[in-house]
Amino acid sequence: MTLALSVGVLAAGGVYLVLQRGMVRIVLGFVLLSHAVNLLLMSAGVTARREPPLMDTADPATAADPLPQAFVLTAIVIAFSITIYMLTLAVTRDEDDPEDAGTEPGAEPGTEPVGPSEERA
């Protein structure tokens, strides 16, 4: 029950942050959603505590299935790389956006920034 509640809280927080306007909040929402999916994958099909699959003395019937662990490890690597890519896009978007920089599109470099209260000719 606690694991299902944790997955639900992480997923709800992730969806809430993804629906926000700020790019950093969207990235954090994506991170929360990836954590929720990782917990869901780890909890899928696990009914009881099992032995590690690499021990020689372990009975194969009681050994844990390593496939969900491999899926989660792959999902962690993919989520990390996509998070870094999204953060890179957020930084370059802020640097290239003329509205955020406060300059008129097509204006000469070194001109004064145009604010929202100034009249445009």
Protein backbone atom coordinates (compact mmCIF):
# COMPACT_ATOMS: atom_id res chain seq x y z
CA MET A 1 0.00 0.00 0.00
CA THR A 2 2.83 2.39 0.84
CA LEU A 3 4.57 1.71 -2.47
CA ALA A 4 1.39 2.35 -4.45
CA LEU A 5 0.84 5.59 -2.54
CA SER A 6 4.42 6.66 -3.25
CA VAL A 7 3.99 5.99 -6.97
CA GLY A 8 0.73 7.95 -6.95
CA VAL A 9 2.20 10.95 -5.13
CA LEU A 10 5.25 11.05 -7.42
CA ALA A 11 3.10 10.75 -10.53
CA ALA A 12 0.66 13.43 -9.35
CA GLY A 13 3.48 15.81 -8.47
CA GLY A 14 5.15 15.13 -11.81
CA VAL A 15 1.98 15.81 -13.79
CA TYR A 16 1.37 19.00 -11.82
CA LEU A 17 4.89 20.27 -12.52
CA VAL A 18 4.78 19.30 -16.21
CA LEU A 19 1.62 21.38 -16.62
CA GLN A 20 3.33 24.50 -15.21
CA ARG A 21 4.74 27.24 -17.42
CA GLY A 22 8.40 27.36 -16.34
CA MET A 23 10.89 25.18 -18.15
CA VAL A 24 12.73 24.15 -14.97
CA ARG A 25 9.43 23.03 -13.43
CA ILE A 26 8.69 20.96 -16.53
CA VAL A 27 12.08 19.27 -16.22
CA LEU A 28 11.52 18.58 -12.50
CA GLY A 29 8.09 17.17 -13.33
CA PHE A 30 9.69 14.86 -15.86
CA VAL A 31 12.18 13.69 -13.23
CA LEU A 32 9.36 12.95 -10.77
CA LEU A 33 7.44 11.04 -13.44
CA SER A 34 10.51 8.96 -14.26
CA HIS A 35 10.97 8.11 -10.57
CA ALA A 36 7.32 7.05 -10.38
CA VAL A 37 7.74 4.78 -13.40
CA ASN A 38 10.92 3.28 -11.93
CA LEU A 39 9.12 2.47 -8.67
CA LEU A 40 6.24 1.00 -10.61
CA LEU A 41 8.58 -1.22 -12.63
CA MET A 42 10.38 -2.43 -9.52
CA SER A 43 7.15 -3.23 -7.74
CA ALA A 44 5.56 -5.02 -10.71
CA GLY A 45 5.25 -8.70 -10.05
CA VAL A 46 7.05 -8.72 -6.70
CA THR A 47 4.94 -10.56 -4.15
CA ALA A 48 7.59 -11.59 -1.62
CA ARG A 49 11.21 -10.92 -0.78
CA ARG A 50 13.51 -13.09 -2.86
CA GLU A 51 17.19 -14.04 -2.83
CA PRO A 52 19.74 -12.30 -5.09
CA PRO A 53 19.99 -14.09 -8.46
CA LEU A 54 23.82 -14.32 -8.49
CA MET A 55 24.37 -16.59 -5.46
CA ASP A 56 25.47 -20.18 -6.13
CA THR A 57 23.60 -21.61 -3.14
CA ALA A 58 20.29 -19.97 -3.95
CA ASP A 59 17.47 -22.12 -5.21
CA PRO A 60 16.44 -20.96 -8.72
CA ALA A 61 12.79 -21.01 -7.65
CA THR A 62 13.45 -18.46 -4.89
CA ALA A 63 15.82 -16.24 -6.90
CA ALA A 64 14.69 -12.77 -7.86
CA ASP A 65 14.03 -12.02 -11.51
CA PRO A 66 16.81 -9.69 -12.75
CA LEU A 67 14.81 -8.43 -15.74
CA PRO A 68 12.85 -5.68 -13.90
CA GLN A 69 16.12 -4.51 -12.34
CA ALA A 70 17.70 -4.28 -15.80
CA PHE A 71 14.67 -2.35 -17.07
CA VAL A 72 14.92 0.12 -14.21
CA LEU A 73 18.66 0.58 -14.70
CA THR A 74 18.06 1.29 -18.39
CA ALA A 75 15.21 3.66 -17.53
CA ILE A 76 17.43 5.57 -15.09
CA VAL A 77 20.10 6.09 -17.76
CA ILE A 78 17.53 7.18 -20.35
CA ALA A 79 15.80 9.55 -17.92
CA PHE A 80 19.14 11.09 -16.92
CA SER A 81 20.14 11.70 -20.53
CA ILE A 82 16.76 13.19 -21.45
CA THR A 83 16.87 15.41 -18.35
CA ILE A 84 20.29 16.76 -19.35
CA TYR A 85 19.02 17.35 -22.90
CA MET A 86 15.93 19.21 -21.62
CA LEU A 87 18.06 21.39 -19.33
CA THR A 88 20.34 22.19 -22.28
CA LEU A 89 17.31 23.20 -24.33
CA ALA A 90 16.07 25.38 -21.47
CA VAL A 91 19.40 27.20 -21.19
CA THR A 92 19.76 27.78 -24.94
CA ARG A 93 16.13 28.89 -25.21
CA ASP A 94 16.67 31.53 -22.55
CA GLU A 95 19.83 32.76 -24.28
CA ASP A 96 18.27 32.95 -27.76
CA ASP A 97 14.85 34.37 -26.88
CA PRO A 98 14.65 38.11 -27.70
CA GLU A 99 11.64 38.62 -25.41
CA ASP A 100 13.56 37.32 -22.42
CA ALA A 101 16.62 39.38 -23.35
CA GLY A 102 14.48 42.55 -23.62
CA THR A 103 15.67 43.54 -27.11
CA GLU A 104 13.67 44.14 -30.25
CA PRO A 105 13.95 41.32 -32.82
CA GLY A 106 16.13 42.54 -35.68
CA ALA A 107 17.60 45.43 -33.65
CA GLU A 108 21.24 46.41 -33.94
CA PRO A 109 23.55 44.91 -31.32
CA GLY A 110 24.28 47.34 -28.52
CA THR A 111 20.95 49.20 -28.73
CA GLU A 112 18.84 49.91 -25.68
CA PRO A 113 16.41 47.20 -24.55
CA VAL A 114 12.74 47.75 -25.29
CA GLY A 115 10.45 47.46 -22.29
CA PRO A 116 6.72 46.79 -22.29
CA SER A 117 5.86 50.37 -21.28
CA GLU A 118 7.80 52.11 -24.05
CA GLU A 119 6.11 53.16 -27.27
CA ARG A 120 7.40 51.59 -30.45
CA ALA A 121 7.84 53.81 -33.51
